[in-house]
Amino acid sequence: MPPAKKRTRSHDPARIRAAVLGQFDNVRQAVRSLTPEQLALPTRLGGWSVRELAAHVTMAVDTVSRNLDREPPARAELGLLDWPAATAHRAADIDDATRQLAAAHADLDALYAASAERLARKLADAPGSRVLATRTGAMTLDDYLVTRTVELVVHTDDLNAAVPGLGIPVERQALAACTRLLADALAAKAPGGSTEVRVPPFAVVQCVAGPRHTRGTPPNVVETDPLTWIRLATGRLDWAEALKDAQVSASGERADLAPHLPLLG
């Protein structure tokens, strides 16, 4: 049965493509500067080292190139807002593939260079309506590239957290798309109009079942910054911890988002 239709905001395809290429290059430049000692540091991701995490980032864009080489499905079956929930079953496969990729490529910069060249070449003449047979489900290229902003922004933050002082910059358009997709995914997962979630300057969504707000200040409001929101949505940060440390403000009896987080499997 096809997934239920969800209201999806539009994303500028040209800007999304530029954001994906730009953020991948930002990560590449940073990885190039890492010492062997830094590459051996642990990360917050299931026992991966920085080297393994860095190798995994290339997988996030190589899936685009690889899927453009495959025969396209007849139609897209997965909408953009269905993607977050569809990622859950792939964790074990991703872990194995990441470790194997890192072990097979001692020269990470060469790996990044090959991935960047392949992605730019494949995207040069690929229409956004092209359907890709991704492992999470058949999606249009335009939609799948939005999901790549999530992968790139989240793992940029993971790398910055693992290596003190690394400071990989985040493309504004990539951060905006990532923030908006995850905010919209929350509204799809917890439909309703009783709670307003604000992630300035990129997103405001209504969610959670209950009395719908119509005018004035909403009775239930959650507000935080983009990176904190992304960490909450991806399970990098616990809701109670974020509240305790004043990384998020929440007012009203329906402002508890803990039952709905994280959004990614």
Protein backbone atom coordinates (compact mmCIF):
# COMPACT_ATOMS: atom_id res chain seq x y z
CA MET A 1 0.00 0.00 0.00
CA PRO A 2 1.44 3.43 -0.90
CA PRO A 3 2.44 5.62 2.07
CA ALA A 4 -0.11 8.16 3.23
CA LYS A 5 0.25 11.49 1.50
CA LYS A 6 1.87 14.17 3.64
CA ARG A 7 2.13 17.86 2.98
CA THR A 8 5.70 18.52 1.88
CA ARG A 9 7.34 21.91 1.54
CA SER A 10 9.24 22.66 -1.64
CA HIS A 11 13.04 22.93 -1.75
CA ASP A 12 14.93 24.81 -4.44
CA PRO A 13 16.63 22.02 -6.44
CA ALA A 14 19.55 24.16 -7.66
CA ARG A 15 20.32 25.37 -4.16
CA ILE A 16 20.07 21.88 -2.74
CA ARG A 17 22.53 20.54 -5.31
CA ALA A 18 24.96 23.36 -4.55
CA ALA A 19 24.56 22.77 -0.81
CA VAL A 20 25.31 19.05 -1.11
CA LEU A 21 28.42 19.65 -3.22
CA GLY A 22 29.56 22.52 -1.00
CA GLN A 23 29.12 20.69 2.28
CA PHE A 24 30.85 17.59 0.98
CA ASP A 25 33.79 19.78 0.00
CA ASN A 26 33.82 21.39 3.45
CA VAL A 27 34.14 17.96 5.02
CA ARG A 28 36.78 16.89 2.52
CA GLN A 29 38.98 19.90 3.31
CA ALA A 30 38.75 19.17 7.03
CA VAL A 31 39.42 15.45 6.70
CA ARG A 32 42.49 16.24 4.60
CA SER A 33 43.95 18.13 7.59
CA LEU A 34 43.48 15.35 10.16
CA THR A 35 46.49 13.67 11.71
CA PRO A 36 46.72 9.89 12.25
CA GLU A 37 46.12 10.51 15.95
CA GLN A 38 42.95 12.49 15.21
CA LEU A 39 41.71 9.87 12.76
CA ALA A 40 42.03 7.27 15.51
CA LEU A 41 39.85 9.22 17.96
CA PRO A 42 36.50 7.70 18.96
CA THR A 43 33.19 9.23 17.88
CA ARG A 44 29.70 9.17 19.38
CA LEU A 45 28.55 6.69 16.73
CA GLY A 46 28.55 3.06 17.76
CA GLY A 47 32.26 2.56 18.17
CA TRP A 48 33.30 4.20 14.90
CA SER A 49 36.61 6.00 14.84
CA VAL A 50 36.98 9.37 13.14
CA ARG A 51 38.50 7.53 10.17
CA GLU A 52 35.44 5.30 9.87
CA LEU A 53 33.06 8.23 10.22
CA ALA A 54 34.99 10.19 7.59
CA ALA A 55 34.79 7.23 5.21
CA HIS A 56 31.06 6.93 5.89
CA VAL A 57 30.47 10.51 4.72
CA THR A 58 31.58 9.50 1.22
CA MET A 59 28.93 6.78 1.26
CA ALA A 60 26.27 9.45 1.79
CA VAL A 61 27.02 10.98 -1.61
CA ASP A 62 28.17 7.86 -3.43
CA THR A 63 24.65 6.47 -3.05
CA VAL A 64 23.50 9.25 -5.40
CA SER A 65 26.07 8.37 -8.07
CA ARG A 66 25.52 4.65 -7.69
CA ASN A 67 21.74 4.91 -7.93
CA LEU A 68 21.99 7.11 -11.03
CA ASP A 69 23.86 4.21 -12.66
CA ARG A 70 21.03 1.79 -11.91
CA GLU A 71 17.87 1.24 -13.93
CA PRO A 72 15.26 3.70 -12.68
CA PRO A 73 12.06 2.34 -11.11
CA ALA A 74 8.81 3.13 -12.87
CA ARG A 75 7.74 5.60 -10.18
CA ALA A 76 8.69 7.01 -6.81
CA GLU A 77 7.18 5.15 -3.86
CA LEU A 78 8.77 7.03 -0.99
CA GLY A 79 7.95 10.65 -0.24
CA LEU A 80 10.44 12.99 1.36
CA LEU A 81 8.67 12.87 4.73
CA ASP A 82 8.62 9.07 4.67
CA TRP A 83 12.40 8.90 4.48
CA PRO A 84 13.32 9.46 8.18
CA ALA A 85 11.30 6.46 9.40
CA ALA A 86 12.52 4.31 6.50
CA THR A 87 16.16 4.53 7.63
CA ALA A 88 15.74 2.39 10.77
CA HIS A 89 16.27 -1.08 9.29
CA ARG A 90 19.59 -0.23 7.61
CA ALA A 91 21.79 0.33 10.67
CA ALA A 92 23.57 -3.06 10.68
CA ASP A 93 24.31 -3.01 6.94
CA ILE A 94 25.61 0.56 7.15
CA ASP A 95 27.92 -0.30 10.03
CA ASP A 96 29.49 -3.25 8.21
CA ALA A 97 29.90 -1.33 4.95
CA THR A 98 31.45 1.66 6.72
CA ARG A 99 34.08 -0.42 8.49
CA GLN A 100 34.96 -2.23 5.28
CA LEU A 101 35.25 1.02 3.31
CA ALA A 102 37.52 2.63 5.91
CA ALA A 103 39.75 -0.45 6.01
CA ALA A 104 40.03 -0.56 2.23
CA HIS A 105 41.00 3.10 1.73
CA ALA A 106 44.12 4.25 3.55
CA ASP A 107 44.14 7.46 1.49
CA LEU A 108 40.93 9.21 2.53
CA ASP A 109 41.59 12.27 0.38
CA ALA A 110 41.77 10.09 -2.72
CA LEU A 111 38.48 8.50 -1.68
CA TYR A 112 36.89 11.94 -1.27
CA ALA A 113 38.29 13.19 -4.56
CA ALA A 114 36.85 10.23 -6.46
CA SER A 115 33.45 10.63 -4.76
CA ALA A 116 33.32 14.39 -5.46
CA GLU A 117 34.28 13.99 -9.13
CA ARG A 118 31.77 11.20 -9.65
CA LEU A 119 28.93 13.10 -7.96
CA ALA A 120 29.52 16.34 -9.90
CA ARG A 121 29.68 14.44 -13.18
CA LYS A 122 26.54 12.42 -12.53
CA LEU A 123 24.53 15.46 -11.42
CA ALA A 124 25.54 17.56 -14.41
CA ASP A 125 22.81 16.21 -16.67
CA ALA A 126 20.50 14.29 -14.32
CA PRO A 127 16.95 15.70 -14.12
CA GLY A 128 15.47 16.15 -10.68
CA SER A 129 12.49 14.01 -11.64
CA ARG A 130 14.74 10.99 -12.24
CA VAL A 131 13.64 8.17 -9.90
CA LEU A 132 16.35 6.42 -7.89
CA ALA A 133 16.12 2.87 -6.56
CA THR A 134 17.54 3.70 -3.12
CA ARG A 135 17.75 1.09 -0.39
CA THR A 136 15.17 2.94 1.66
CA GLY A 137 12.73 3.06 -1.29
CA ALA A 138 12.29 4.59 -4.73
CA MET A 139 12.61 8.39 -4.56
CA THR A 140 13.07 11.23 -7.02
CA LEU A 141 16.57 12.64 -7.30
CA ASP A 142 15.41 16.05 -6.04
CA ASP A 143 13.95 14.50 -2.89
CA TYR A 144 16.92 12.22 -2.31
CA LEU A 145 19.35 15.13 -2.50
CA VAL A 146 17.43 16.85 0.32
CA THR A 147 18.05 13.75 2.44
CA ARG A 148 21.76 14.07 1.64
CA THR A 149 21.80 17.46 3.38
CA VAL A 150 20.66 15.66 6.53
CA GLU A 151 23.43 13.08 6.23
CA LEU A 152 26.09 15.70 5.58
CA VAL A 153 25.04 18.20 8.24
CA VAL A 154 24.55 15.54 10.92
CA HIS A 155 27.91 13.89 10.25
CA THR A 156 29.67 17.25 10.02
CA ASP A 157 28.42 17.86 13.55
CA ASP A 158 29.56 14.37 14.57
CA LEU A 159 33.07 15.05 13.28
CA ASN A 160 33.23 18.44 14.98
CA ALA A 161 32.17 16.80 18.25
CA ALA A 162 34.85 14.10 17.92
CA VAL A 163 37.84 16.30 17.04
CA PRO A 164 38.40 19.31 19.32
CA GLY A 165 38.87 22.50 17.35
CA LEU A 166 38.06 20.97 13.96
CA GLY A 167 35.28 23.45 13.24
CA ILE A 168 34.02 22.24 9.86
CA PRO A 169 31.74 25.01 8.52
CA VAL A 170 28.16 24.19 7.57
CA GLU A 171 26.63 25.56 4.37
CA ARG A 172 23.63 27.72 5.28
CA GLN A 173 21.40 26.11 2.65
CA ALA A 174 22.35 22.61 3.81
CA LEU A 175 21.59 23.53 7.42
CA ALA A 176 18.27 25.09 6.41
CA ALA A 177 17.15 22.06 4.37
CA CYS A 178 18.20 19.62 7.09
CA THR A 179 16.40 21.62 9.78
CA ARG A 180 13.22 21.96 7.72
CA LEU A 181 13.04 18.32 6.70
CA LEU A 182 13.39 17.14 10.29
CA ALA A 183 10.85 19.70 11.54
CA ASP A 184 8.39 18.64 8.85
CA ALA A 185 9.02 14.99 9.73
CA LEU A 186 8.03 15.76 13.32
CA ALA A 187 4.78 17.35 12.13
CA ALA A 188 4.11 14.25 10.02
CA LYS A 189 4.90 11.85 12.87
CA ALA A 190 2.89 13.78 15.49
CA PRO A 191 0.14 15.47 13.47
CA GLY A 192 -1.94 18.16 15.11
CA GLY A 193 -2.04 21.84 15.85
CA SER A 194 -1.71 22.19 19.60
CA THR A 195 2.05 22.80 19.75
CA GLU A 196 4.23 25.20 17.81
CA VAL A 197 7.85 24.18 17.29
CA ARG A 198 10.14 27.03 16.33
CA VAL A 199 13.67 26.57 15.01
CA PRO A 200 14.69 30.06 13.94
CA PRO A 201 15.56 31.19 11.40
CA PHE A 202 14.60 28.16 9.33
CA ALA A 203 11.42 26.43 10.48
CA VAL A 204 8.13 26.73 12.34
CA VAL A 205 5.73 23.79 12.42
CA GLN A 206 2.47 22.92 14.15
CA CYS A 207 2.22 19.43 15.62
CA VAL A 208 0.82 17.22 18.43
CA ALA A 209 -2.86 16.35 18.72
CA GLY A 210 -5.03 18.61 20.87
CA PRO A 211 -6.82 21.93 20.72
CA ARG A 212 -5.71 23.87 17.66
CA HIS A 213 -4.21 27.31 18.20
CA THR A 214 -5.78 30.02 16.01
CA ARG A 215 -4.58 33.43 17.19
CA GLY A 216 -2.23 35.20 19.60
CA THR A 217 0.60 33.46 21.44
CA PRO A 218 0.29 29.65 21.21
CA PRO A 219 -0.29 27.92 24.57
CA ASN A 220 2.33 25.26 23.80
CA VAL A 221 5.64 26.42 22.35
CA VAL A 222 8.99 24.72 21.83
CA GLU A 223 11.97 26.73 20.61
CA THR A 224 15.60 25.90 19.98
CA ASP A 225 18.45 26.54 17.55
CA PRO A 226 19.04 24.48 14.38
CA LEU A 227 21.94 22.32 15.59
CA THR A 228 20.25 21.52 18.90
CA TRP A 229 17.09 20.57 17.00
CA ILE A 230 19.06 18.34 14.64
CA ARG A 231 20.76 16.61 17.57
CA LEU A 232 17.40 16.01 19.23
CA ALA A 233 15.82 14.74 16.03
CA THR A 234 18.66 12.30 15.35
CA GLY A 235 19.11 11.01 18.89
CA ARG A 236 22.42 12.73 19.53
CA LEU A 237 20.85 14.71 22.38
CA ASP A 238 18.28 13.60 24.94
CA TRP A 239 15.18 15.79 25.37
CA ALA A 240 15.44 15.89 29.18
CA GLU A 241 19.13 16.78 29.00
CA ALA A 242 18.43 19.57 26.52
CA LEU A 243 15.76 21.03 28.81
CA LYS A 244 17.99 20.76 31.87
CA ASP A 245 20.84 22.56 30.12
CA ALA A 246 18.51 25.24 28.69
CA GLN A 247 19.35 24.24 25.13
CA VAL A 248 15.63 24.17 24.39
CA SER A 249 12.70 26.10 25.86
CA ALA A 250 9.31 24.42 26.21
CA SER A 251 6.14 25.93 27.67
CA GLY A 252 2.66 24.40 27.95
CA GLU A 253 1.31 20.98 28.88
CA ARG A 254 1.70 19.65 25.32
CA ALA A 255 5.23 20.96 24.81
CA ASP A 256 6.94 17.69 25.74
CA LEU A 257 8.40 16.26 22.54
CA ALA A 258 10.16 13.32 24.22
CA PRO A 259 7.54 10.76 23.06
CA HIS A 260 8.13 11.75 19.44
CA LEU A 261 11.93 11.81 19.37
CA PRO A 262 14.23 10.81 17.81
CA LEU A 263 12.89 10.94 14.25
CA LEU A 264 15.65 9.00 12.51
CA GLY A 265 16.07 5.29 13.05
